[in-house]
Amino acid sequence: MGSLLVGGLVFVFLSMATSIGLLVRGRLPDHHLNAESKDVIRLATAVVGTLSALALGLLIASAKSSYDNAEVEMRTAAARVLLLDRVMAQYGPETNKARQLLRELIEKRLSRGWTAETTDETSGNAPGEYQDIEAVQADLRSLAPRDAVQHSLQARALEVSGMLAETHWLLVESGKEGLPWAFLTVLVCWLSLLFATFGLQAPANPTVLSILLVCALSVAGAIFLVSDMANPYVGLIRVSDAPLQFAIERLGKP
């Protein structure tokens, strides 16, 4: 589900909850909303408000952590690609085919995106990314080192290519995590309850209604940010592919 859609649905739910509170307010007897009743309502909703604030803070922290980790992974992968290319360049012209395969892998990654769904899919005769990495490793294993230096370079290249393959499979394994939807659903229910009580206690004048709508929009915006940052390779707030663009400019150089 898209982040904008999630944020929009949250805004709709909170607006509906406020409207329900306003409708119920007009139908309740006056003694149900006297000073003592409002004090009890405020005390009860304060508990839910505190829980909602804590839950939203945890979601924001978790989403920011996911985004930061993804950014580090992107930079690390780009650095490993450059390192692998340089190690193969030092080995000699025998690695030209493997270097070309590595460049094609990065070009494919840039064209398809950096998600679990796109990196493993096949497109026509184009294999999935894991097959490209394995092809590079197969070429490296087929090399016949002539001396200790080349033998050391081959071992180093295989080590770095193994790290790239590991990064790919980690992406595949973690690609389905996303948002904790059950947690988010409970949070939206708590927030809807809060906004319903706001409508229950608030006088129905334009100023109050405008403030409540702005608050609902602000909360929906926070949920949108959480949803978007929890999927750092897609959406409006995404990890930049600048490290890969920089890497591909340097690949294949002598």
C-alpha atoms as a PDB file:
ATOM      1  CA  MET A   1       0.000   0.000   0.000  1.00  0.00           C
ATOM      2  CA  GLY A   2       1.387   3.402  -1.005  1.00  0.00           C
ATOM      3  CA  SER A   3       2.525   5.817   1.669  1.00  0.00           C
ATOM      4  CA  LEU A   4       0.299   8.601   0.357  1.00  0.00           C
ATOM      5  CA  LEU A   5      -2.688   6.266   0.462  1.00  0.00           C
ATOM      6  CA  VAL A   6      -1.877   5.260   4.048  1.00  0.00           C
ATOM      7  CA  GLY A   7      -1.583   8.896   5.123  1.00  0.00           C
ATOM      8  CA  GLY A   8      -4.801   9.780   3.302  1.00  0.00           C
ATOM      9  CA  LEU A   9      -6.707   6.951   4.943  1.00  0.00           C
ATOM     10  CA  VAL A  10      -5.475   7.993   8.375  1.00  0.00           C
ATOM     11  CA  PHE A  11      -6.643  11.562   7.719  1.00  0.00           C
ATOM     12  CA  VAL A  12     -10.062  10.268   6.624  1.00  0.00           C
ATOM     13  CA  PHE A  13     -10.378   8.058   9.711  1.00  0.00           C
ATOM     14  CA  LEU A  14      -9.453  10.878  12.080  1.00  0.00           C
ATOM     15  CA  SER A  15     -11.804  13.321  10.346  1.00  0.00           C
ATOM     16  CA  MET A  16     -14.623  10.780  10.532  1.00  0.00           C
ATOM     17  CA  ALA A  17     -13.895  10.155  14.222  1.00  0.00           C
ATOM     18  CA  THR A  18     -14.072  13.905  14.887  1.00  0.00           C
ATOM     19  CA  SER A  19     -17.348  14.148  12.969  1.00  0.00           C
ATOM     20  CA  ILE A  20     -18.802  11.248  14.938  1.00  0.00           C
ATOM     21  CA  GLY A  21     -17.828  12.985  18.177  1.00  0.00           C
ATOM     22  CA  LEU A  22     -19.549  16.176  17.045  1.00  0.00           C
ATOM     23  CA  LEU A  23     -22.712  14.289  16.047  1.00  0.00           C
ATOM     24  CA  VAL A  24     -22.834  12.389  19.343  1.00  0.00           C
ATOM     25  CA  ARG A  25     -22.317  15.651  21.267  1.00  0.00           C
ATOM     26  CA  GLY A  26     -25.492  17.108  19.769  1.00  0.00           C
ATOM     27  CA  ARG A  27     -27.546  14.086  20.842  1.00  0.00           C
ATOM     28  CA  LEU A  28     -26.322  13.596  24.410  1.00  0.00           C
ATOM     29  CA  PRO A  29     -28.189  15.046  27.418  1.00  0.00           C
ATOM     30  CA  ASP A  30     -26.465  18.083  28.924  1.00  0.00           C
ATOM     31  CA  HIS A  31     -25.555  16.317  32.175  1.00  0.00           C
ATOM     32  CA  HIS A  32     -23.432  13.817  30.210  1.00  0.00           C
ATOM     33  CA  LEU A  33     -21.075  16.636  29.257  1.00  0.00           C
ATOM     34  CA  ASN A  34     -20.980  18.656  32.452  1.00  0.00           C
ATOM     35  CA  ALA A  35     -17.680  19.710  34.057  1.00  0.00           C
ATOM     36  CA  GLU A  36     -17.248  16.500  36.060  1.00  0.00           C
ATOM     37  CA  SER A  37     -17.894  14.307  33.005  1.00  0.00           C
ATOM     38  CA  LYS A  38     -15.401  16.266  30.906  1.00  0.00           C
ATOM     39  CA  ASP A  39     -12.749  15.931  33.614  1.00  0.00           C
ATOM     40  CA  VAL A  40     -13.153  12.151  33.607  1.00  0.00           C
ATOM     41  CA  ILE A  41     -13.023  12.069  29.795  1.00  0.00           C
ATOM     42  CA  ARG A  42      -9.834  14.147  29.799  1.00  0.00           C
ATOM     43  CA  LEU A  43      -8.167  11.889  32.363  1.00  0.00           C
ATOM     44  CA  ALA A  44      -9.102   8.742  30.450  1.00  0.00           C
ATOM     45  CA  THR A  45      -7.993  10.099  27.079  1.00  0.00           C
ATOM     46  CA  ALA A  46      -4.750  11.385  28.588  1.00  0.00           C
ATOM     47  CA  VAL A  47      -3.705   7.770  29.114  1.00  0.00           C
ATOM     48  CA  VAL A  48      -4.555   6.866  25.514  1.00  0.00           C
ATOM     49  CA  GLY A  49      -2.852  10.038  24.286  1.00  0.00           C
ATOM     50  CA  THR A  50       0.345   9.141  26.136  1.00  0.00           C
ATOM     51  CA  LEU A  51       0.303   5.618  24.725  1.00  0.00           C
ATOM     52  CA  SER A  52      -0.327   6.986  21.224  1.00  0.00           C
ATOM     53  CA  ALA A  53       2.570   9.423  21.522  1.00  0.00           C
ATOM     54  CA  LEU A  54       4.912   6.663  22.671  1.00  0.00           C
ATOM     55  CA  ALA A  55       3.766   4.303  19.915  1.00  0.00           C
ATOM     56  CA  LEU A  56       4.124   6.972  17.216  1.00  0.00           C
ATOM     57  CA  GLY A  57       7.564   7.892  18.543  1.00  0.00           C
ATOM     58  CA  LEU A  58       8.645   4.242  18.377  1.00  0.00           C
ATOM     59  CA  LEU A  59       7.369   3.923  14.804  1.00  0.00           C
ATOM     60  CA  ILE A  60       9.196   7.079  13.729  1.00  0.00           C
ATOM     61  CA  ALA A  61      12.430   5.915  15.381  1.00  0.00           C
ATOM     62  CA  SER A  62      12.113   2.475  13.766  1.00  0.00           C
ATOM     63  CA  ALA A  63      11.429   3.959  10.315  1.00  0.00           C
ATOM     64  CA  LYS A  64      14.356   6.390  10.633  1.00  0.00           C
ATOM     65  CA  SER A  65      16.625   3.520  11.667  1.00  0.00           C
ATOM     66  CA  SER A  66      15.527   1.492   8.618  1.00  0.00           C
ATOM     67  CA  TYR A  67      16.193   4.459   6.352  1.00  0.00           C
ATOM     68  CA  ASP A  68      19.635   5.117   7.839  1.00  0.00           C
ATOM     69  CA  ASN A  69      20.593   1.432   7.570  1.00  0.00           C
ATOM     70  CA  ALA A  70      19.481   1.357   3.944  1.00  0.00           C
ATOM     71  CA  GLU A  71      21.568   4.432   3.174  1.00  0.00           C
ATOM     72  CA  VAL A  72      24.622   2.824   4.751  1.00  0.00           C
ATOM     73  CA  GLU A  73      23.974  -0.385   2.798  1.00  0.00           C
ATOM     74  CA  MET A  74      23.789   1.579  -0.456  1.00  0.00           C
ATOM     75  CA  ARG A  75      27.088   3.348   0.165  1.00  0.00           C
ATOM     76  CA  THR A  76      28.752   0.134   1.332  1.00  0.00           C
ATOM     77  CA  ALA A  77      27.579  -1.775  -1.735  1.00  0.00           C
ATOM     78  CA  ALA A  78      28.833   0.982  -4.056  1.00  0.00           C
ATOM     79  CA  ALA A  79      32.208   0.999  -2.302  1.00  0.00           C
ATOM     80  CA  ARG A  80      32.473  -2.804  -2.611  1.00  0.00           C
ATOM     81  CA  VAL A  81      31.634  -2.643  -6.307  1.00  0.00           C
ATOM     82  CA  LEU A  82      34.437  -0.116  -6.875  1.00  0.00           C
ATOM     83  CA  LEU A  83      36.829  -2.185  -4.774  1.00  0.00           C
ATOM     84  CA  LEU A  84      35.994  -5.353  -6.706  1.00  0.00           C
ATOM     85  CA  ASP A  85      36.529  -3.584 -10.028  1.00  0.00           C
ATOM     86  CA  ARG A  86      39.903  -2.220  -8.919  1.00  0.00           C
ATOM     87  CA  VAL A  87      41.067  -5.606  -7.634  1.00  0.00           C
ATOM     88  CA  MET A  88      40.115  -7.205 -10.955  1.00  0.00           C
ATOM     89  CA  ALA A  89      41.880  -4.397 -12.848  1.00  0.00           C
ATOM     90  CA  GLN A  90      45.065  -5.107 -10.873  1.00  0.00           C
ATOM     91  CA  TYR A  91      44.803  -8.804 -11.725  1.00  0.00           C
ATOM     92  CA  GLY A  92      45.104  -8.165 -15.442  1.00  0.00           C
ATOM     93  CA  PRO A  93      43.194  -8.250 -18.758  1.00  0.00           C
ATOM     94  CA  GLU A  94      41.956 -11.774 -17.986  1.00  0.00           C
ATOM     95  CA  THR A  95      39.231 -10.191 -15.825  1.00  0.00           C
ATOM     96  CA  ASN A  96      37.814  -7.935 -18.555  1.00  0.00           C
ATOM     97  CA  LYS A  97      34.752 -10.140 -19.034  1.00  0.00           C
ATOM     98  CA  ALA A  98      34.032 -10.225 -15.286  1.00  0.00           C
ATOM     99  CA  ARG A  99      34.441  -6.431 -15.097  1.00  0.00           C
ATOM    100  CA  GLN A 100      31.977  -5.981 -17.949  1.00  0.00           C
ATOM    101  CA  LEU A 101      29.491  -8.274 -16.189  1.00  0.00           C
ATOM    102  CA  LEU A 102      29.913  -6.211 -13.036  1.00  0.00           C
ATOM    103  CA  ARG A 103      29.181  -2.998 -14.939  1.00  0.00           C
ATOM    104  CA  GLU A 104      26.074  -4.535 -16.510  1.00  0.00           C
ATOM    105  CA  LEU A 105      24.918  -5.608 -13.042  1.00  0.00           C
ATOM    106  CA  ILE A 106      25.107  -2.021 -11.759  1.00  0.00           C
ATOM    107  CA  GLU A 107      23.408  -0.648 -14.873  1.00  0.00           C
ATOM    108  CA  LYS A 108      20.583  -3.139 -14.361  1.00  0.00           C
ATOM    109  CA  ARG A 109      20.325  -2.190 -10.692  1.00  0.00           C
ATOM    110  CA  LEU A 110      20.000   1.489 -11.618  1.00  0.00           C
ATOM    111  CA  SER A 111      17.354   0.784 -14.258  1.00  0.00           C
ATOM    112  CA  ARG A 112      15.286  -1.612 -12.122  1.00  0.00           C
ATOM    113  CA  GLY A 113      15.654   0.003  -8.727  1.00  0.00           C
ATOM    114  CA  TRP A 114      16.938  -1.325  -5.417  1.00  0.00           C
ATOM    115  CA  THR A 115      14.126  -3.538  -4.153  1.00  0.00           C
ATOM    116  CA  ALA A 116      13.712  -7.218  -3.466  1.00  0.00           C
ATOM    117  CA  GLU A 117      10.960  -7.449  -6.071  1.00  0.00           C
ATOM    118  CA  THR A 118      13.067  -6.030  -8.922  1.00  0.00           C
ATOM    119  CA  THR A 119      16.527  -7.422  -8.170  1.00  0.00           C
ATOM    120  CA  ASP A 120      15.451 -11.062  -8.440  1.00  0.00           C
ATOM    121  CA  GLU A 121      13.005 -10.768 -11.336  1.00  0.00           C
ATOM    122  CA  THR A 122      13.936 -11.760 -14.852  1.00  0.00           C
ATOM    123  CA  SER A 123      13.126  -9.575 -17.825  1.00  0.00           C
ATOM    124  CA  GLY A 124      13.166 -11.287 -21.217  1.00  0.00           C
ATOM    125  CA  ASN A 125      16.627 -12.798 -21.593  1.00  0.00           C
ATOM    126  CA  ALA A 126      18.008 -10.730 -18.709  1.00  0.00           C
ATOM    127  CA  PRO A 127      18.644 -12.869 -15.608  1.00  0.00           C
ATOM    128  CA  GLY A 128      18.017 -11.857 -12.023  1.00  0.00           C
ATOM    129  CA  GLU A 129      20.708  -9.967 -10.172  1.00  0.00           C
ATOM    130  CA  TYR A 130      21.807 -12.961  -8.111  1.00  0.00           C
ATOM    131  CA  GLN A 131      22.627 -14.777 -11.371  1.00  0.00           C
ATOM    132  CA  ASP A 132      24.747 -11.823 -12.496  1.00  0.00           C
ATOM    133  CA  ILE A 133      26.735 -11.923  -9.257  1.00  0.00           C
ATOM    134  CA  GLU A 134      27.203 -15.679  -9.611  1.00  0.00           C
ATOM    135  CA  ALA A 135      28.398 -15.201 -13.205  1.00  0.00           C
ATOM    136  CA  VAL A 136      31.060 -12.746 -11.989  1.00  0.00           C
ATOM    137  CA  GLN A 137      32.123 -15.213  -9.304  1.00  0.00           C
ATOM    138  CA  ALA A 138      32.260 -18.053 -11.847  1.00  0.00           C
ATOM    139  CA  ASP A 139      34.597 -16.016 -14.067  1.00  0.00           C
ATOM    140  CA  LEU A 140      36.789 -15.232 -11.078  1.00  0.00           C
ATOM    141  CA  ARG A 141      36.998 -18.913 -10.095  1.00  0.00           C
ATOM    142  CA  SER A 142      37.971 -19.894 -13.634  1.00  0.00           C
ATOM    143  CA  LEU A 143      41.063 -17.697 -13.539  1.00  0.00           C
ATOM    144  CA  ALA A 144      44.451 -19.428 -13.478  1.00  0.00           C
ATOM    145  CA  PRO A 145      46.808 -17.289 -11.354  1.00  0.00           C
ATOM    146  CA  ARG A 146      50.388 -17.282 -12.602  1.00  0.00           C
ATOM    147  CA  ASP A 147      52.033 -16.146  -9.379  1.00  0.00           C
ATOM    148  CA  ALA A 148      51.378 -15.425  -5.711  1.00  0.00           C
ATOM    149  CA  VAL A 149      50.262 -11.849  -6.432  1.00  0.00           C
ATOM    150  CA  GLN A 150      47.540 -12.924  -8.837  1.00  0.00           C
ATOM    151  CA  HIS A 151      46.516 -15.711  -6.499  1.00  0.00           C
ATOM    152  CA  SER A 152      46.111 -13.147  -3.692  1.00  0.00           C
ATOM    153  CA  LEU A 153      44.138 -10.801  -5.970  1.00  0.00           C
ATOM    154  CA  GLN A 154      41.841 -13.644  -7.059  1.00  0.00           C
ATOM    155  CA  ALA A 155      41.124 -14.574  -3.436  1.00  0.00           C
ATOM    156  CA  ARG A 156      40.431 -10.937  -2.571  1.00  0.00           C
ATOM    157  CA  ALA A 157      38.094 -10.519  -5.563  1.00  0.00           C
ATOM    158  CA  LEU A 158      36.162 -13.644  -4.602  1.00  0.00           C
ATOM    159  CA  GLU A 159      35.877 -12.362  -1.038  1.00  0.00           C
ATOM    160  CA  VAL A 160      34.471  -8.981  -2.109  1.00  0.00           C
ATOM    161  CA  SER A 161      32.105 -10.552  -4.646  1.00  0.00           C
ATOM    162  CA  GLY A 162      30.866 -12.826  -1.852  1.00  0.00           C
ATOM    163  CA  MET A 163      30.121  -9.727   0.234  1.00  0.00           C
ATOM    164  CA  LEU A 164      28.095  -8.294  -2.665  1.00  0.00           C
ATOM    165  CA  ALA A 165      26.144 -11.517  -2.971  1.00  0.00           C
ATOM    166  CA  GLU A 166      25.506 -11.466   0.774  1.00  0.00           C
ATOM    167  CA  THR A 167      24.213  -7.880   0.529  1.00  0.00           C
ATOM    168  CA  HIS A 168      21.803  -8.974  -2.185  1.00  0.00           C
ATOM    169  CA  TRP A 169      20.359 -11.848  -0.185  1.00  0.00           C
ATOM    170  CA  LEU A 170      20.070  -9.672   2.924  1.00  0.00           C
ATOM    171  CA  LEU A 171      18.021  -7.241   0.850  1.00  0.00           C
ATOM    172  CA  VAL A 172      15.797 -10.074  -0.358  1.00  0.00           C
ATOM    173  CA  GLU A 173      15.287 -11.403   3.163  1.00  0.00           C
ATOM    174  CA  SER A 174      14.488  -8.010   4.667  1.00  0.00           C
ATOM    175  CA  GLY A 175      12.545  -6.654   1.696  1.00  0.00           C
ATOM    176  CA  LYS A 176       9.183  -7.919   2.972  1.00  0.00           C
ATOM    177  CA  GLU A 177       9.425  -6.430   6.452  1.00  0.00           C
ATOM    178  CA  GLY A 178       8.049  -2.931   5.923  1.00  0.00           C
ATOM    179  CA  LEU A 179       5.647  -1.521   8.504  1.00  0.00           C
ATOM    180  CA  PRO A 180       4.301  -3.458  11.507  1.00  0.00           C
ATOM    181  CA  TRP A 181       0.713  -3.211  10.250  1.00  0.00           C
ATOM    182  CA  ALA A 182      -0.894  -4.610  13.412  1.00  0.00           C
ATOM    183  CA  PHE A 183       0.932  -2.006  15.493  1.00  0.00           C
ATOM    184  CA  LEU A 184      -0.065   0.752  13.073  1.00  0.00           C
ATOM    185  CA  THR A 185      -3.715  -0.379  13.106  1.00  0.00           C
ATOM    186  CA  VAL A 186      -3.867  -0.227  16.897  1.00  0.00           C
ATOM    187  CA  LEU A 187      -2.233   3.216  16.846  1.00  0.00           C
ATOM    188  CA  VAL A 188      -4.802   4.541  14.349  1.00  0.00           C
ATOM    189  CA  CYS A 189      -7.606   3.181  16.544  1.00  0.00           C
ATOM    190  CA  TRP A 190      -6.170   5.013  19.562  1.00  0.00           C
ATOM    191  CA  LEU A 191      -5.834   8.223  17.572  1.00  0.00           C
ATOM    192  CA  SER A 192      -9.385   7.896  16.255  1.00  0.00           C
ATOM    193  CA  LEU A 193     -10.635   7.527  19.814  1.00  0.00           C
ATOM    194  CA  LEU A 194      -8.762  10.678  20.815  1.00  0.00           C
ATOM    195  CA  PHE A 195     -10.170  12.713  17.948  1.00  0.00           C
ATOM    196  CA  ALA A 196     -13.664  11.415  18.668  1.00  0.00           C
ATOM    197  CA  THR A 197     -13.369  12.731  22.233  1.00  0.00           C
ATOM    198  CA  PHE A 198     -12.073  16.047  20.865  1.00  0.00           C
ATOM    199  CA  GLY A 199     -15.209  16.333  18.774  1.00  0.00           C
ATOM    200  CA  LEU A 200     -17.320  15.268  21.744  1.00  0.00           C
ATOM    201  CA  GLN A 201     -16.021  18.115  23.887  1.00  0.00           C
ATOM    202  CA  ALA A 202     -15.414  20.835  21.288  1.00  0.00           C
ATOM    203  CA  PRO A 203     -17.946  23.512  20.310  1.00  0.00           C
ATOM    204  CA  ALA A 204     -18.801  23.223  16.626  1.00  0.00           C
ATOM    205  CA  ASN A 205     -17.424  26.561  15.421  1.00  0.00           C
ATOM    206  CA  PRO A 206     -15.181  27.134  12.370  1.00  0.00           C
ATOM    207  CA  THR A 207     -12.062  27.907  14.402  1.00  0.00           C
ATOM    208  CA  VAL A 208     -12.217  24.687  16.434  1.00  0.00           C
ATOM    209  CA  LEU A 209     -13.084  22.585  13.396  1.00  0.00           C
ATOM    210  CA  SER A 210     -10.198  24.083  11.410  1.00  0.00           C
ATOM    211  CA  ILE A 211      -7.726  23.380  14.208  1.00  0.00           C
ATOM    212  CA  LEU A 212      -8.952  19.790  14.531  1.00  0.00           C
ATOM    213  CA  LEU A 213      -8.604  19.234  10.776  1.00  0.00           C
ATOM    214  CA  VAL A 214      -5.096  20.686  10.784  1.00  0.00           C
ATOM    215  CA  CYS A 215      -4.169  18.418  13.704  1.00  0.00           C
ATOM    216  CA  ALA A 216      -5.615  15.409  11.885  1.00  0.00           C
ATOM    217  CA  LEU A 217      -3.620  16.356   8.793  1.00  0.00           C
ATOM    218  CA  SER A 218      -0.444  16.692  10.892  1.00  0.00           C
ATOM    219  CA  VAL A 219      -0.883  13.250  12.436  1.00  0.00           C
ATOM    220  CA  ALA A 220      -1.637  11.767   9.014  1.00  0.00           C
ATOM    221  CA  GLY A 221       1.551  13.428   7.738  1.00  0.00           C
ATOM    222  CA  ALA A 222       3.547  11.742  10.507  1.00  0.00           C
ATOM    223  CA  ILE A 223       2.066   8.361   9.564  1.00  0.00           C
ATOM    224  CA  PHE A 224       2.919   9.062   5.923  1.00  0.00           C
ATOM    225  CA  LEU A 225       6.550   9.762   6.874  1.00  0.00           C
ATOM    226  CA  VAL A 226       6.721   6.549   8.888  1.00  0.00           C
ATOM    227  CA  SER A 227       5.264   4.517   6.032  1.00  0.00           C
ATOM    228  CA  ASP A 228       7.511   6.098   3.407  1.00  0.00           C
ATOM    229  CA  MET A 229      10.741   5.823   5.385  1.00  0.00           C
ATOM    230  CA  ALA A 230       9.995   2.198   6.301  1.00  0.00           C
ATOM    231  CA  ASN A 231      10.421   1.428   2.572  1.00  0.00           C
ATOM    232  CA  PRO A 232      13.583   3.412   1.871  1.00  0.00           C
ATOM    233  CA  TYR A 233      14.160   2.284  -1.717  1.00  0.00           C
ATOM    234  CA  VAL A 234      10.741   3.347  -3.036  1.00  0.00           C
ATOM    235  CA  GLY A 235       8.365   6.225  -2.411  1.00  0.00           C
ATOM    236  CA  LEU A 236       8.881   9.967  -2.122  1.00  0.00           C
ATOM    237  CA  ILE A 237      11.560   9.773   0.595  1.00  0.00           C
ATOM    238  CA  ARG A 238      14.013   7.296  -0.814  1.00  0.00           C
ATOM    239  CA  VAL A 239      17.692   6.527  -0.506  1.00  0.00           C
ATOM    240  CA  SER A 240      19.660   8.293  -3.210  1.00  0.00           C
ATOM    241  CA  ASP A 241      21.317   6.138  -5.868  1.00  0.00           C
ATOM    242  CA  ALA A 242      24.105   8.737  -6.245  1.00  0.00           C
ATOM    243  CA  PRO A 243      26.751   6.307  -4.853  1.00  0.00           C
ATOM    244  CA  LEU A 244      25.917   3.821  -7.613  1.00  0.00           C
ATOM    245  CA  GLN A 245      25.950   6.590 -10.235  1.00  0.00           C
ATOM    246  CA  PHE A 246      29.387   7.609  -8.984  1.00  0.00           C
ATOM    247  CA  ALA A 247      30.544   3.986  -9.019  1.00  0.00           C
ATOM    248  CA  ILE A 248      29.428   3.308 -12.588  1.00  0.00           C
ATOM    249  CA  GLU A 249      31.376   6.349 -13.820  1.00  0.00           C
ATOM    250  CA  ARG A 250      34.570   4.785 -12.458  1.00  0.00           C
ATOM    251  CA  LEU A 251      33.963   1.164 -13.446  1.00  0.00           C
ATOM    252  CA  GLY A 252      36.132  -0.275 -16.210  1.00  0.00           C
ATOM    253  CA  LYS A 253      38.876   2.318 -15.943  1.00  0.00           C
ATOM    254  CA  PRO A 254      42.466   1.035 -16.253  1.00  0.00           C
END
